[in-house]
Amino acid sequence: MGYSTSLSGGLTFDPPLSALEYANSPYLSFGDAGSWSFKLDQPNTIVVDDESAKHYDLEEELQEFIDSMPGATFTGCIEGDGEESGDMWRLYVVDGRVVKVKPELVWPDAPVGGI
């Protein structure tokens, strides 16, 4: 069975891949049997598999791709929403490293006069 996560969003990068790099990239599809969770949509855009699936290695896969693009600048984020309540996160690229950010839930002060 396993744990499923829904993904959304994507990343753009600059400089884009050359036509030859793009044509020869293994990331033009989601991989054999969904072996990775993102693909190249254009020579400068990564999109995610929006099917709810088991994306256990997404951070490592994304870091491997980023490491293959030295000097590239990445913008955007990938959002994940897991099966369990509150399991939400975003992946950003900061200084060539994938950074996972989780939201903080903060309750507001009680209304004046109490509840």
N, C-alpha and C. Protein backbone atom coordinates (compact mmCIF):
# COMPACT_ATOMS: atom_id res chain seq x y z
N MET A 1 0.83 -1.17 0.00
CA MET A 1 0.00 0.00 0.00
C MET A 1 0.88 1.24 0.00
N GLY A 2 1.27 1.77 1.14
CA GLY A 2 2.13 2.93 1.19
C GLY A 2 1.37 4.22 1.39
N TYR A 3 2.11 5.27 1.46
CA TYR A 3 1.59 6.60 1.75
C TYR A 3 1.58 7.42 0.46
N SER A 4 0.45 8.03 0.14
CA SER A 4 0.33 8.81 -1.09
C SER A 4 0.38 10.31 -0.79
N THR A 5 0.95 11.04 -1.71
CA THR A 5 1.04 12.49 -1.63
C THR A 5 0.60 13.08 -2.96
N SER A 6 -0.20 14.14 -2.91
CA SER A 6 -0.58 14.87 -4.11
C SER A 6 0.40 16.02 -4.30
N LEU A 7 0.85 16.22 -5.53
CA LEU A 7 1.81 17.28 -5.85
C LEU A 7 1.18 18.31 -6.76
N SER A 8 1.67 19.54 -6.67
CA SER A 8 1.27 20.60 -7.59
C SER A 8 2.44 21.57 -7.72
N GLY A 9 2.34 22.44 -8.71
CA GLY A 9 3.37 23.46 -8.90
C GLY A 9 4.46 23.02 -9.86
N GLY A 10 5.55 23.73 -9.81
CA GLY A 10 6.66 23.44 -10.69
C GLY A 10 7.76 24.47 -10.52
N LEU A 11 8.82 24.29 -11.29
CA LEU A 11 9.97 25.19 -11.23
C LEU A 11 10.35 25.62 -12.63
N THR A 12 10.83 26.84 -12.74
CA THR A 12 11.45 27.28 -13.98
C THR A 12 12.92 27.53 -13.68
N PHE A 13 13.74 27.45 -14.71
CA PHE A 13 15.17 27.67 -14.51
C PHE A 13 15.77 28.41 -15.68
N ASP A 14 16.88 29.08 -15.38
CA ASP A 14 17.59 29.89 -16.36
C ASP A 14 19.08 29.69 -16.14
N PRO A 15 19.87 29.43 -17.14
CA PRO A 15 19.50 29.35 -18.55
C PRO A 15 18.77 28.05 -18.87
N PRO A 16 17.96 28.08 -19.95
CA PRO A 16 17.25 26.87 -20.35
C PRO A 16 18.21 25.85 -20.98
N LEU A 17 17.73 24.62 -21.10
CA LEU A 17 18.51 23.59 -21.79
C LEU A 17 18.59 23.92 -23.27
N SER A 18 19.66 23.52 -23.91
CA SER A 18 19.74 23.66 -25.37
C SER A 18 18.77 22.66 -26.00
N ALA A 19 18.50 22.83 -27.28
CA ALA A 19 17.59 21.91 -27.97
C ALA A 19 18.10 20.48 -27.89
N LEU A 20 19.40 20.28 -28.02
CA LEU A 20 19.98 18.94 -27.95
C LEU A 20 19.87 18.36 -26.54
N GLU A 21 20.18 19.17 -25.52
CA GLU A 21 20.06 18.70 -24.13
C GLU A 21 18.62 18.32 -23.82
N TYR A 22 17.69 19.15 -24.28
CA TYR A 22 16.28 18.88 -24.03
C TYR A 22 15.85 17.58 -24.72
N ALA A 23 16.22 17.43 -25.99
CA ALA A 23 15.82 16.24 -26.76
C ALA A 23 16.38 14.95 -26.16
N ASN A 24 17.56 15.02 -25.54
CA ASN A 24 18.21 13.83 -24.99
C ASN A 24 17.97 13.65 -23.49
N SER A 25 17.16 14.48 -22.90
CA SER A 25 16.94 14.41 -21.45
C SER A 25 16.11 13.20 -21.06
N PRO A 26 16.49 12.50 -19.98
CA PRO A 26 15.66 11.40 -19.49
C PRO A 26 14.40 11.91 -18.77
N TYR A 27 14.30 13.23 -18.58
CA TYR A 27 13.19 13.80 -17.81
C TYR A 27 12.05 14.31 -18.69
N LEU A 28 11.92 13.79 -19.91
CA LEU A 28 10.83 14.21 -20.78
C LEU A 28 9.51 13.51 -20.43
N SER A 29 9.58 12.49 -19.60
CA SER A 29 8.38 11.82 -19.12
C SER A 29 8.59 11.54 -17.64
N PHE A 30 7.57 11.02 -17.00
CA PHE A 30 7.68 10.74 -15.57
C PHE A 30 8.50 9.49 -15.29
N GLY A 31 9.10 8.91 -16.30
CA GLY A 31 9.97 7.75 -16.10
C GLY A 31 9.21 6.44 -16.18
N ASP A 32 9.95 5.37 -16.33
CA ASP A 32 9.35 4.05 -16.40
C ASP A 32 8.61 3.74 -15.11
N ALA A 33 7.34 3.41 -15.24
CA ALA A 33 6.50 3.06 -14.08
C ALA A 33 6.55 4.14 -13.01
N GLY A 34 6.59 5.42 -13.46
CA GLY A 34 6.59 6.52 -12.50
C GLY A 34 7.85 6.58 -11.67
N SER A 35 8.99 6.30 -12.29
CA SER A 35 10.23 6.22 -11.51
C SER A 35 10.70 7.56 -10.99
N TRP A 36 10.21 8.67 -11.50
CA TRP A 36 10.43 9.95 -10.85
C TRP A 36 9.16 10.79 -10.91
N SER A 37 9.11 11.82 -10.12
CA SER A 37 7.86 12.54 -9.87
C SER A 37 7.73 13.83 -10.65
N PHE A 38 8.70 14.15 -11.49
CA PHE A 38 8.62 15.38 -12.27
C PHE A 38 9.15 15.13 -13.67
N LYS A 39 8.87 16.06 -14.57
CA LYS A 39 9.38 15.96 -15.93
C LYS A 39 9.62 17.36 -16.47
N LEU A 40 10.37 17.43 -17.53
CA LEU A 40 10.56 18.69 -18.24
C LEU A 40 9.34 18.92 -19.11
N ASP A 41 8.76 20.09 -18.99
CA ASP A 41 7.61 20.46 -19.81
C ASP A 41 8.07 21.31 -20.98
N GLN A 42 9.12 22.07 -20.76
CA GLN A 42 9.76 22.92 -21.76
C GLN A 42 11.26 22.92 -21.44
N PRO A 43 12.09 23.50 -22.30
CA PRO A 43 13.53 23.50 -21.99
C PRO A 43 13.91 24.25 -20.72
N ASN A 44 12.96 24.95 -20.10
CA ASN A 44 13.27 25.66 -18.86
C ASN A 44 12.22 25.48 -17.77
N THR A 45 11.41 24.43 -17.87
CA THR A 45 10.31 24.25 -16.92
C THR A 45 10.18 22.80 -16.47
N ILE A 46 10.09 22.62 -15.15
CA ILE A 46 9.82 21.32 -14.55
C ILE A 46 8.39 21.34 -14.04
N VAL A 47 7.62 20.31 -14.37
CA VAL A 47 6.28 20.15 -13.81
C VAL A 47 6.25 18.84 -13.03
N VAL A 48 5.29 18.73 -12.12
CA VAL A 48 5.20 17.53 -11.29
C VAL A 48 4.06 16.64 -11.76
N ASP A 49 4.16 15.38 -11.38
CA ASP A 49 3.11 14.40 -11.62
C ASP A 49 1.98 14.75 -10.68
N ASP A 50 0.85 15.19 -11.21
CA ASP A 50 -0.24 15.65 -10.34
C ASP A 50 -1.14 14.51 -9.87
N GLU A 51 -0.78 13.30 -10.19
CA GLU A 51 -1.52 12.16 -9.65
C GLU A 51 -1.08 11.93 -8.22
N SER A 52 -2.02 11.57 -7.38
CA SER A 52 -1.67 11.21 -6.01
C SER A 52 -0.92 9.88 -6.07
N ALA A 53 0.29 9.88 -5.57
CA ALA A 53 1.14 8.69 -5.69
C ALA A 53 2.15 8.67 -4.55
N LYS A 54 3.02 7.70 -4.61
CA LYS A 54 4.05 7.53 -3.60
C LYS A 54 5.32 8.23 -4.10
N HIS A 55 5.52 9.44 -3.68
CA HIS A 55 6.65 10.27 -4.12
C HIS A 55 7.75 10.26 -3.06
N TYR A 56 8.17 9.09 -2.65
CA TYR A 56 9.13 8.96 -1.55
C TYR A 56 10.46 9.64 -1.80
N ASP A 57 10.94 9.64 -3.04
CA ASP A 57 12.29 10.11 -3.34
C ASP A 57 12.33 11.45 -4.07
N LEU A 58 11.26 12.19 -4.03
CA LEU A 58 11.17 13.44 -4.79
C LEU A 58 12.31 14.40 -4.48
N GLU A 59 12.61 14.63 -3.22
CA GLU A 59 13.67 15.59 -2.87
C GLU A 59 15.01 15.18 -3.45
N GLU A 60 15.35 13.90 -3.33
CA GLU A 60 16.63 13.41 -3.83
C GLU A 60 16.67 13.46 -5.36
N GLU A 61 15.57 13.08 -6.02
CA GLU A 61 15.50 13.13 -7.49
C GLU A 61 15.66 14.56 -7.98
N LEU A 62 14.96 15.48 -7.33
CA LEU A 62 15.04 16.88 -7.72
C LEU A 62 16.44 17.43 -7.50
N GLN A 63 17.07 17.07 -6.38
CA GLN A 63 18.44 17.53 -6.11
C GLN A 63 19.40 16.99 -7.17
N GLU A 64 19.22 15.75 -7.58
CA GLU A 64 20.07 15.17 -8.62
C GLU A 64 19.94 15.97 -9.92
N PHE A 65 18.71 16.33 -10.28
CA PHE A 65 18.50 17.13 -11.49
C PHE A 65 19.17 18.50 -11.34
N ILE A 66 18.98 19.15 -10.21
CA ILE A 66 19.55 20.47 -9.97
C ILE A 66 21.07 20.41 -10.02
N ASP A 67 21.65 19.35 -9.45
CA ASP A 67 23.11 19.19 -9.48
C ASP A 67 23.63 19.04 -10.91
N SER A 68 22.79 18.56 -11.82
CA SER A 68 23.20 18.42 -13.22
C SER A 68 23.12 19.74 -13.98
N MET A 69 22.66 20.80 -13.30
CA MET A 69 22.47 22.11 -13.92
C MET A 69 23.30 23.17 -13.18
N PRO A 70 24.62 23.00 -13.09
CA PRO A 70 25.41 23.99 -12.34
C PRO A 70 25.25 25.39 -12.91
N GLY A 71 25.08 26.34 -12.03
CA GLY A 71 24.94 27.73 -12.44
C GLY A 71 23.53 28.15 -12.79
N ALA A 72 22.61 27.22 -12.87
CA ALA A 72 21.22 27.58 -13.20
C ALA A 72 20.55 28.21 -11.99
N THR A 73 19.63 29.13 -12.25
CA THR A 73 18.83 29.77 -11.22
C THR A 73 17.41 29.21 -11.32
N PHE A 74 16.87 28.73 -10.21
CA PHE A 74 15.54 28.12 -10.18
C PHE A 74 14.57 29.03 -9.44
N THR A 75 13.34 29.13 -9.96
CA THR A 75 12.27 29.87 -9.29
C THR A 75 11.02 29.01 -9.26
N GLY A 76 10.12 29.32 -8.32
CA GLY A 76 8.88 28.58 -8.17
C GLY A 76 8.98 27.61 -7.01
N CYS A 77 7.97 26.78 -6.86
CA CYS A 77 7.99 25.77 -5.80
C CYS A 77 7.11 24.59 -6.20
N ILE A 78 7.36 23.48 -5.53
CA ILE A 78 6.55 22.28 -5.66
C ILE A 78 5.85 22.08 -4.33
N GLU A 79 4.54 21.90 -4.37
CA GLU A 79 3.76 21.72 -3.15
C GLU A 79 3.33 20.27 -3.01
N GLY A 80 3.40 19.77 -1.78
CA GLY A 80 2.96 18.42 -1.47
C GLY A 80 1.88 18.44 -0.42
N ASP A 81 0.91 17.56 -0.58
CA ASP A 81 -0.19 17.43 0.38
C ASP A 81 -0.41 15.94 0.61
N GLY A 82 0.01 15.47 1.79
CA GLY A 82 -0.07 14.05 2.11
C GLY A 82 -1.45 13.61 2.57
N GLU A 83 -1.57 12.31 2.78
CA GLU A 83 -2.84 11.71 3.20
C GLU A 83 -3.29 12.19 4.58
N GLU A 84 -2.34 12.39 5.48
CA GLU A 84 -2.68 12.75 6.85
C GLU A 84 -2.95 14.25 6.97
N SER A 85 -3.88 14.60 7.82
CA SER A 85 -4.22 15.99 8.06
C SER A 85 -2.97 16.76 8.51
N GLY A 86 -2.72 17.89 7.89
CA GLY A 86 -1.59 18.73 8.26
C GLY A 86 -0.28 18.37 7.59
N ASP A 87 -0.24 17.29 6.80
CA ASP A 87 1.00 16.92 6.10
C ASP A 87 1.08 17.71 4.80
N MET A 88 1.55 18.95 4.92
CA MET A 88 1.70 19.84 3.77
C MET A 88 3.12 20.39 3.79
N TRP A 89 3.67 20.65 2.61
CA TRP A 89 5.02 21.20 2.53
C TRP A 89 5.24 21.79 1.14
N ARG A 90 6.31 22.54 1.03
CA ARG A 90 6.76 23.09 -0.25
C ARG A 90 8.24 22.81 -0.40
N LEU A 91 8.65 22.60 -1.64
CA LEU A 91 10.07 22.48 -1.96
C LEU A 91 10.48 23.69 -2.78
N TYR A 92 11.53 24.36 -2.33
CA TYR A 92 12.14 25.48 -3.03
C TYR A 92 13.57 25.11 -3.36
N VAL A 93 14.18 25.86 -4.25
CA VAL A 93 15.61 25.71 -4.52
C VAL A 93 16.28 26.99 -4.04
N VAL A 94 17.19 26.83 -3.08
CA VAL A 94 17.92 27.97 -2.51
C VAL A 94 19.41 27.67 -2.63
N ASP A 95 20.11 28.52 -3.36
CA ASP A 95 21.56 28.35 -3.55
C ASP A 95 21.91 26.95 -4.03
N GLY A 96 21.13 26.42 -4.97
CA GLY A 96 21.42 25.12 -5.55
C GLY A 96 21.04 23.93 -4.70
N ARG A 97 20.32 24.14 -3.61
CA ARG A 97 19.92 23.04 -2.73
C ARG A 97 18.39 23.02 -2.61
N VAL A 98 17.82 21.82 -2.57
CA VAL A 98 16.38 21.68 -2.35
C VAL A 98 16.11 21.91 -0.86
N VAL A 99 15.17 22.79 -0.58
CA VAL A 99 14.82 23.12 0.79
C VAL A 99 13.33 22.83 0.99
N LYS A 100 13.02 22.02 2.01
CA LYS A 100 11.63 21.68 2.33
C LYS A 100 11.14 22.60 3.44
N VAL A 101 9.99 23.22 3.21
CA VAL A 101 9.40 24.15 4.16
C VAL A 101 8.02 23.63 4.53
N LYS A 102 7.76 23.55 5.84
CA LYS A 102 6.45 23.13 6.33
C LYS A 102 5.75 24.34 6.94
N PRO A 103 4.42 24.45 6.75
CA PRO A 103 3.70 25.60 7.31
C PRO A 103 3.58 25.47 8.82
N GLU A 104 3.39 26.60 9.45
CA GLU A 104 3.17 26.64 10.89
C GLU A 104 1.71 27.00 11.13
N LEU A 105 1.04 26.22 11.96
CA LEU A 105 -0.34 26.50 12.32
C LEU A 105 -0.33 27.35 13.58
N VAL A 106 -0.95 28.52 13.50
CA VAL A 106 -0.98 29.44 14.64
C VAL A 106 -2.44 29.81 14.90
N TRP A 107 -2.89 29.54 16.11
CA TRP A 107 -4.24 29.92 16.49
C TRP A 107 -4.28 31.41 16.83
N PRO A 108 -5.32 32.11 16.37
CA PRO A 108 -5.44 33.52 16.73
C PRO A 108 -5.84 33.64 18.21
N ASP A 109 -5.68 34.85 18.74
CA ASP A 109 -6.15 35.10 20.11
C ASP A 109 -7.66 34.91 20.15
N ALA A 110 -8.16 34.58 21.34
CA ALA A 110 -9.61 34.42 21.51
C ALA A 110 -10.30 35.74 21.23
N PRO A 111 -11.51 35.69 20.70
CA PRO A 111 -12.25 36.93 20.45
C PRO A 111 -12.50 37.68 21.74
N VAL A 112 -12.63 38.97 21.65
CA VAL A 112 -12.93 39.79 22.83
C VAL A 112 -14.22 39.31 23.44
N GLY A 113 -14.25 39.12 24.75
CA GLY A 113 -15.43 38.63 25.42
C GLY A 113 -15.44 37.12 25.58
N GLY A 114 -14.40 36.45 25.11
CA GLY A 114 -14.33 35.01 25.27
C GLY A 114 -15.12 34.27 24.22
N ILE A 115 -15.19 32.98 24.43
CA ILE A 115 -15.89 32.13 23.46
C ILE A 115 -17.16 31.61 24.09
